[in-house]
Amino acid sequence: MAGAAPRRPGRRPRNWSGLIHSGGCGAPPTAGKGYWNGELTARAKDGHELVVEATWTLVRDAAGRPQSIFATSQDITETRRLEQQAARSQRIESLGTLASGVAHDLNNILTPIMVSIGLLKEQTKDPMLLRLLGSLDASTQRGAQLVKQILTFGRGVKASASRWTCGRWRARFGSSSRRRFPSPLS
């Protein structure tokens, strides 16, 4: 029993007739067929919430009049928690599969761009065009690194964290940030 106060034998609860007779908007569970089966939330004696699978059966006397309700309940809280955990794991797995698909598509887009940049670098001597191609090459390399990170996530492998100092950040992104953001007006 989940938290109900013990009753004296043979004593009916005040709302007993409401449990077995139909009528009104919220028909009681045992109305009609004489039984009910479903899930309920209940409170345990210590106050925590439980999910229970309950079956209520209307017991009648020899004349067919409702006499009592026979109720059984089983705690299924842990079962529901495990089902929710399995569903969450499936969603994460689906997300990893989606991420892997996106990463492969991005890789298919970046590969011909990277190859073209390499060919163009070999064929030109113009310093301005070489700087532009260098910038494009750096951007596609960052895109390729992003694809690797997405694939790592999709496979479920933990990525290794590395420490970034201001100097390392400036060396890696400084030139691209100067190209992308205008210098302050004087």
C-alpha atoms as a PDB file:
ATOM      1  CA  MET A   1       0.000   0.000   0.000  1.00  0.00           C
ATOM      2  CA  ALA A   2       1.387   3.394  -0.919  1.00  0.00           C
ATOM      3  CA  GLY A   3       0.825   5.821   1.888  1.00  0.00           C
ATOM      4  CA  ALA A   4      -2.819   5.234   2.741  1.00  0.00           C
ATOM      5  CA  ALA A   5      -3.775   5.270   6.388  1.00  0.00           C
ATOM      6  CA  PRO A   6      -4.920   1.880   7.662  1.00  0.00           C
ATOM      7  CA  ARG A   7      -8.686   1.501   8.038  1.00  0.00           C
ATOM      8  CA  ARG A   8     -10.682  -0.607  10.376  1.00  0.00           C
ATOM      9  CA  PRO A   9     -11.895  -3.816   8.707  1.00  0.00           C
ATOM     10  CA  GLY A  10     -15.318  -3.580   7.132  1.00  0.00           C
ATOM     11  CA  ARG A  11     -15.332   0.214   7.028  1.00  0.00           C
ATOM     12  CA  ARG A  12     -15.943   1.788   3.628  1.00  0.00           C
ATOM     13  CA  PRO A  13     -14.377   5.051   2.488  1.00  0.00           C
ATOM     14  CA  ARG A  14     -16.770   7.997   2.240  1.00  0.00           C
ATOM     15  CA  ASN A  15     -16.493   8.227  -1.545  1.00  0.00           C
ATOM     16  CA  TRP A  16     -16.898   4.474  -2.119  1.00  0.00           C
ATOM     17  CA  SER A  17     -20.079   4.902  -4.141  1.00  0.00           C
ATOM     18  CA  GLY A  18     -18.295   7.365  -6.406  1.00  0.00           C
ATOM     19  CA  LEU A  19     -15.781   4.689  -7.332  1.00  0.00           C
ATOM     20  CA  ILE A  20     -18.355   2.159  -8.512  1.00  0.00           C
ATOM     21  CA  HIS A  21     -21.261   4.171  -9.929  1.00  0.00           C
ATOM     22  CA  SER A  22     -21.104   6.028 -13.201  1.00  0.00           C
ATOM     23  CA  GLY A  23     -22.463   9.439 -13.910  1.00  0.00           C
ATOM     24  CA  GLY A  24     -21.347  12.949 -14.476  1.00  0.00           C
ATOM     25  CA  CYS A  25     -18.372  14.126 -16.397  1.00  0.00           C
ATOM     26  CA  GLY A  26     -15.659  12.025 -14.792  1.00  0.00           C
ATOM     27  CA  ALA A  27     -16.998   8.498 -14.715  1.00  0.00           C
ATOM     28  CA  PRO A  28     -15.295   6.434 -12.033  1.00  0.00           C
ATOM     29  CA  PRO A  29     -12.858   3.789 -13.228  1.00  0.00           C
ATOM     30  CA  THR A  30     -14.981   0.757 -12.350  1.00  0.00           C
ATOM     31  CA  ALA A  31     -18.181   2.079 -13.941  1.00  0.00           C
ATOM     32  CA  GLY A  32     -19.578   0.119 -16.846  1.00  0.00           C
ATOM     33  CA  LYS A  33     -17.453  -3.022 -17.174  1.00  0.00           C
ATOM     34  CA  GLY A  34     -16.824  -3.432 -13.469  1.00  0.00           C
ATOM     35  CA  TYR A  35     -13.065  -3.192 -13.696  1.00  0.00           C
ATOM     36  CA  TRP A  36     -10.328  -0.722 -14.539  1.00  0.00           C
ATOM     37  CA  ASN A  37      -6.680  -1.147 -15.457  1.00  0.00           C
ATOM     38  CA  GLY A  38      -4.118   1.619 -15.940  1.00  0.00           C
ATOM     39  CA  GLU A  39      -1.266   3.689 -14.590  1.00  0.00           C
ATOM     40  CA  LEU A  40      -1.521   6.094 -11.696  1.00  0.00           C
ATOM     41  CA  THR A  41       0.832   8.283  -9.769  1.00  0.00           C
ATOM     42  CA  ALA A  42       0.834   7.702  -6.045  1.00  0.00           C
ATOM     43  CA  ARG A  43       2.787   8.831  -3.012  1.00  0.00           C
ATOM     44  CA  ALA A  44       4.811   6.382  -0.994  1.00  0.00           C
ATOM     45  CA  LYS A  45       4.677   6.526   2.792  1.00  0.00           C
ATOM     46  CA  ASP A  46       7.930   8.488   2.825  1.00  0.00           C
ATOM     47  CA  GLY A  47       6.420  11.071   0.435  1.00  0.00           C
ATOM     48  CA  HIS A  48       8.194  10.352  -2.867  1.00  0.00           C
ATOM     49  CA  GLU A  49       6.145   9.908  -6.015  1.00  0.00           C
ATOM     50  CA  LEU A  50       5.596   6.475  -7.553  1.00  0.00           C
ATOM     51  CA  VAL A  51       4.205   5.302 -10.874  1.00  0.00           C
ATOM     52  CA  VAL A  52       1.973   2.282 -10.297  1.00  0.00           C
ATOM     53  CA  GLU A  53       0.155  -0.052 -12.625  1.00  0.00           C
ATOM     54  CA  ALA A  54      -3.203  -0.666 -10.982  1.00  0.00           C
ATOM     55  CA  THR A  55      -6.157  -2.953 -11.547  1.00  0.00           C
ATOM     56  CA  TRP A  56      -9.462  -2.294  -9.819  1.00  0.00           C
ATOM     57  CA  THR A  57     -12.226  -4.868  -9.929  1.00  0.00           C
ATOM     58  CA  LEU A  58     -15.725  -4.321  -8.629  1.00  0.00           C
ATOM     59  CA  VAL A  59     -16.799  -7.113  -6.278  1.00  0.00           C
ATOM     60  CA  ARG A  60     -20.551  -7.750  -6.079  1.00  0.00           C
ATOM     61  CA  ASP A  61     -22.605  -9.639  -3.546  1.00  0.00           C
ATOM     62  CA  ALA A  62     -24.908 -12.582  -4.395  1.00  0.00           C
ATOM     63  CA  ALA A  63     -27.679 -10.165  -5.411  1.00  0.00           C
ATOM     64  CA  GLY A  64     -25.338  -8.338  -7.839  1.00  0.00           C
ATOM     65  CA  ARG A  65     -25.006  -5.191  -5.762  1.00  0.00           C
ATOM     66  CA  PRO A  66     -21.602  -3.545  -5.498  1.00  0.00           C
ATOM     67  CA  GLN A  67     -19.965  -4.664  -2.307  1.00  0.00           C
ATOM     68  CA  SER A  68     -16.307  -3.609  -2.575  1.00  0.00           C
ATOM     69  CA  ILE A  69     -13.433  -2.946  -4.924  1.00  0.00           C
ATOM     70  CA  PHE A  70     -10.526  -5.332  -5.145  1.00  0.00           C
ATOM     71  CA  ALA A  71      -7.434  -3.325  -6.079  1.00  0.00           C
ATOM     72  CA  THR A  72      -3.919  -4.446  -6.912  1.00  0.00           C
ATOM     73  CA  SER A  73      -1.000  -2.157  -7.651  1.00  0.00           C
ATOM     74  CA  GLN A  74       2.561  -2.731  -8.783  1.00  0.00           C
ATOM     75  CA  ASP A  75       5.343  -0.133  -8.571  1.00  0.00           C
ATOM     76  CA  ILE A  76       6.669   0.435 -12.104  1.00  0.00           C
ATOM     77  CA  THR A  77       8.618   3.641 -11.392  1.00  0.00           C
ATOM     78  CA  GLU A  78      12.008   2.097 -12.167  1.00  0.00           C
ATOM     79  CA  THR A  79      10.676   0.465 -15.354  1.00  0.00           C
ATOM     80  CA  ARG A  80       9.390   3.835 -16.632  1.00  0.00           C
ATOM     81  CA  ARG A  81      12.695   5.519 -15.728  1.00  0.00           C
ATOM     82  CA  LEU A  82      14.655   2.885 -17.668  1.00  0.00           C
ATOM     83  CA  GLU A  83      12.296   3.247 -20.660  1.00  0.00           C
ATOM     84  CA  GLN A  84      12.846   7.015 -20.667  1.00  0.00           C
ATOM     85  CA  GLN A  85      16.604   6.507 -20.435  1.00  0.00           C
ATOM     86  CA  ALA A  86      16.540   4.075 -23.388  1.00  0.00           C
ATOM     87  CA  ALA A  87      14.479   6.539 -25.451  1.00  0.00           C
ATOM     88  CA  ARG A  88      16.967   9.326 -24.631  1.00  0.00           C
ATOM     89  CA  SER A  89      19.859   7.080 -25.700  1.00  0.00           C
ATOM     90  CA  GLN A  90      18.113   6.325 -28.990  1.00  0.00           C
ATOM     91  CA  ARG A  91      17.606  10.051 -29.644  1.00  0.00           C
ATOM     92  CA  ILE A  92      21.297  10.740 -28.969  1.00  0.00           C
ATOM     93  CA  GLU A  93      22.290   7.868 -31.268  1.00  0.00           C
ATOM     94  CA  SER A  94      20.020   9.278 -33.991  1.00  0.00           C
ATOM     95  CA  LEU A  95      21.612  12.692 -33.527  1.00  0.00           C
ATOM     96  CA  GLY A  96      25.059  11.132 -33.933  1.00  0.00           C
ATOM     97  CA  THR A  97      23.952   9.413 -37.148  1.00  0.00           C
ATOM     98  CA  LEU A  98      22.549  12.699 -38.456  1.00  0.00           C
ATOM     99  CA  ALA A  99      25.767  14.547 -37.535  1.00  0.00           C
ATOM    100  CA  SER A 100      27.845  11.937 -39.358  1.00  0.00           C
ATOM    101  CA  GLY A 101      25.696  12.308 -42.480  1.00  0.00           C
ATOM    102  CA  VAL A 102      26.004  16.099 -42.403  1.00  0.00           C
ATOM    103  CA  ALA A 103      29.774  15.844 -41.893  1.00  0.00           C
ATOM    104  CA  HIS A 104      30.170  13.537 -44.895  1.00  0.00           C
ATOM    105  CA  ASP A 105      28.087  15.893 -47.047  1.00  0.00           C
ATOM    106  CA  LEU A 106      30.215  18.858 -45.950  1.00  0.00           C
ATOM    107  CA  ASN A 107      33.349  16.865 -46.678  1.00  0.00           C
ATOM    108  CA  ASN A 108      32.058  16.153 -50.189  1.00  0.00           C
ATOM    109  CA  ILE A 109      31.520  19.910 -50.668  1.00  0.00           C
ATOM    110  CA  LEU A 110      34.912  20.963 -49.255  1.00  0.00           C
ATOM    111  CA  THR A 111      37.087  18.403 -51.071  1.00  0.00           C
ATOM    112  CA  PRO A 112      36.774  19.831 -54.628  1.00  0.00           C
ATOM    113  CA  ILE A 113      37.206  23.372 -53.258  1.00  0.00           C
ATOM    114  CA  MET A 114      40.422  22.400 -51.480  1.00  0.00           C
ATOM    115  CA  VAL A 115      41.745  20.612 -54.569  1.00  0.00           C
ATOM    116  CA  SER A 116      40.914  23.616 -56.776  1.00  0.00           C
ATOM    117  CA  ILE A 117      42.665  26.018 -54.402  1.00  0.00           C
ATOM    118  CA  GLY A 118      45.814  23.864 -54.529  1.00  0.00           C
ATOM    119  CA  LEU A 119      45.762  23.768 -58.336  1.00  0.00           C
ATOM    120  CA  LEU A 120      45.203  27.521 -58.589  1.00  0.00           C
ATOM    121  CA  LYS A 121      48.099  28.208 -56.178  1.00  0.00           C
ATOM    122  CA  GLU A 122      50.415  26.173 -58.414  1.00  0.00           C
ATOM    123  CA  GLN A 123      49.337  28.027 -61.577  1.00  0.00           C
ATOM    124  CA  THR A 124      49.537  31.652 -60.401  1.00  0.00           C
ATOM    125  CA  LYS A 125      52.359  33.980 -59.454  1.00  0.00           C
ATOM    126  CA  ASP A 126      50.179  37.027 -58.666  1.00  0.00           C
ATOM    127  CA  PRO A 127      50.846  37.947 -54.968  1.00  0.00           C
ATOM    128  CA  MET A 128      47.354  39.381 -54.415  1.00  0.00           C
ATOM    129  CA  LEU A 129      45.708  36.255 -55.839  1.00  0.00           C
ATOM    130  CA  LEU A 130      48.030  34.039 -53.794  1.00  0.00           C
ATOM    131  CA  ARG A 131      47.014  35.916 -50.592  1.00  0.00           C
ATOM    132  CA  LEU A 132      43.342  35.450 -51.499  1.00  0.00           C
ATOM    133  CA  LEU A 133      43.896  31.756 -52.216  1.00  0.00           C
ATOM    134  CA  GLY A 134      45.782  31.432 -48.915  1.00  0.00           C
ATOM    135  CA  SER A 135      42.799  32.917 -47.098  1.00  0.00           C
ATOM    136  CA  LEU A 136      40.429  30.551 -48.904  1.00  0.00           C
ATOM    137  CA  ASP A 137      42.719  27.632 -48.104  1.00  0.00           C
ATOM    138  CA  ALA A 138      42.789  28.565 -44.391  1.00  0.00           C
ATOM    139  CA  SER A 139      38.984  28.813 -44.333  1.00  0.00           C
ATOM    140  CA  THR A 140      38.507  25.445 -46.002  1.00  0.00           C
ATOM    141  CA  GLN A 141      41.041  23.893 -43.606  1.00  0.00           C
ATOM    142  CA  ARG A 142      38.981  25.227 -40.660  1.00  0.00           C
ATOM    143  CA  GLY A 143      35.903  23.747 -42.326  1.00  0.00           C
ATOM    144  CA  ALA A 144      37.709  20.406 -42.636  1.00  0.00           C
ATOM    145  CA  GLN A 145      38.600  20.552 -38.923  1.00  0.00           C
ATOM    146  CA  LEU A 146      34.943  21.219 -38.126  1.00  0.00           C
ATOM    147  CA  VAL A 147      33.983  18.166 -40.200  1.00  0.00           C
ATOM    148  CA  LYS A 148      36.453  16.090 -38.161  1.00  0.00           C
ATOM    149  CA  GLN A 149      34.899  17.353 -34.928  1.00  0.00           C
ATOM    150  CA  ILE A 150      31.401  16.503 -36.166  1.00  0.00           C
ATOM    151  CA  LEU A 151      32.551  13.019 -37.179  1.00  0.00           C
ATOM    152  CA  THR A 152      34.144  12.565 -33.758  1.00  0.00           C
ATOM    153  CA  PHE A 153      30.833  13.505 -32.136  1.00  0.00           C
ATOM    154  CA  GLY A 154      28.928  11.203 -34.495  1.00  0.00           C
ATOM    155  CA  ARG A 155      31.117   8.248 -33.560  1.00  0.00           C
ATOM    156  CA  GLY A 156      30.686   9.014 -29.871  1.00  0.00           C
ATOM    157  CA  VAL A 157      34.404   9.458 -29.266  1.00  0.00           C
ATOM    158  CA  LYS A 158      35.357  12.066 -26.706  1.00  0.00           C
ATOM    159  CA  ALA A 159      37.332  14.873 -28.239  1.00  0.00           C
ATOM    160  CA  SER A 160      40.521  15.830 -26.480  1.00  0.00           C
ATOM    161  CA  ALA A 161      40.546  19.276 -24.963  1.00  0.00           C
ATOM    162  CA  SER A 162      43.562  21.462 -25.499  1.00  0.00           C
ATOM    163  CA  ARG A 163      44.608  24.618 -23.753  1.00  0.00           C
ATOM    164  CA  TRP A 164      44.524  27.796 -25.820  1.00  0.00           C
ATOM    165  CA  THR A 165      46.574  30.785 -24.844  1.00  0.00           C
ATOM    166  CA  CYS A 166      45.984  34.291 -26.166  1.00  0.00           C
ATOM    167  CA  GLY A 167      49.150  33.995 -28.245  1.00  0.00           C
ATOM    168  CA  ARG A 168      48.028  30.732 -29.829  1.00  0.00           C
ATOM    169  CA  TRP A 169      44.581  32.160 -30.541  1.00  0.00           C
ATOM    170  CA  ARG A 170      46.074  35.319 -32.086  1.00  0.00           C
ATOM    171  CA  ALA A 171      48.450  33.233 -34.219  1.00  0.00           C
ATOM    172  CA  ARG A 172      45.615  31.005 -35.434  1.00  0.00           C
ATOM    173  CA  PHE A 173      42.850  33.554 -35.985  1.00  0.00           C
ATOM    174  CA  GLY A 174      44.535  36.939 -35.890  1.00  0.00           C
ATOM    175  CA  SER A 175      45.128  37.360 -39.618  1.00  0.00           C
ATOM    176  CA  SER A 176      41.662  36.140 -40.573  1.00  0.00           C
ATOM    177  CA  SER A 177      39.999  38.399 -38.002  1.00  0.00           C
ATOM    178  CA  ARG A 178      41.910  41.424 -39.355  1.00  0.00           C
ATOM    179  CA  ARG A 179      40.666  40.621 -42.863  1.00  0.00           C
ATOM    180  CA  ARG A 180      37.061  40.132 -41.745  1.00  0.00           C
ATOM    181  CA  PHE A 181      36.696  43.072 -39.363  1.00  0.00           C
ATOM    182  CA  PRO A 182      37.527  46.633 -40.387  1.00  0.00           C
ATOM    183  CA  SER A 183      40.067  48.555 -38.362  1.00  0.00           C
ATOM    184  CA  PRO A 184      38.670  51.261 -36.080  1.00  0.00           C
ATOM    185  CA  LEU A 185      38.045  54.605 -37.735  1.00  0.00           C
ATOM    186  CA  SER A 186      40.420  57.365 -36.693  1.00  0.00           C
END
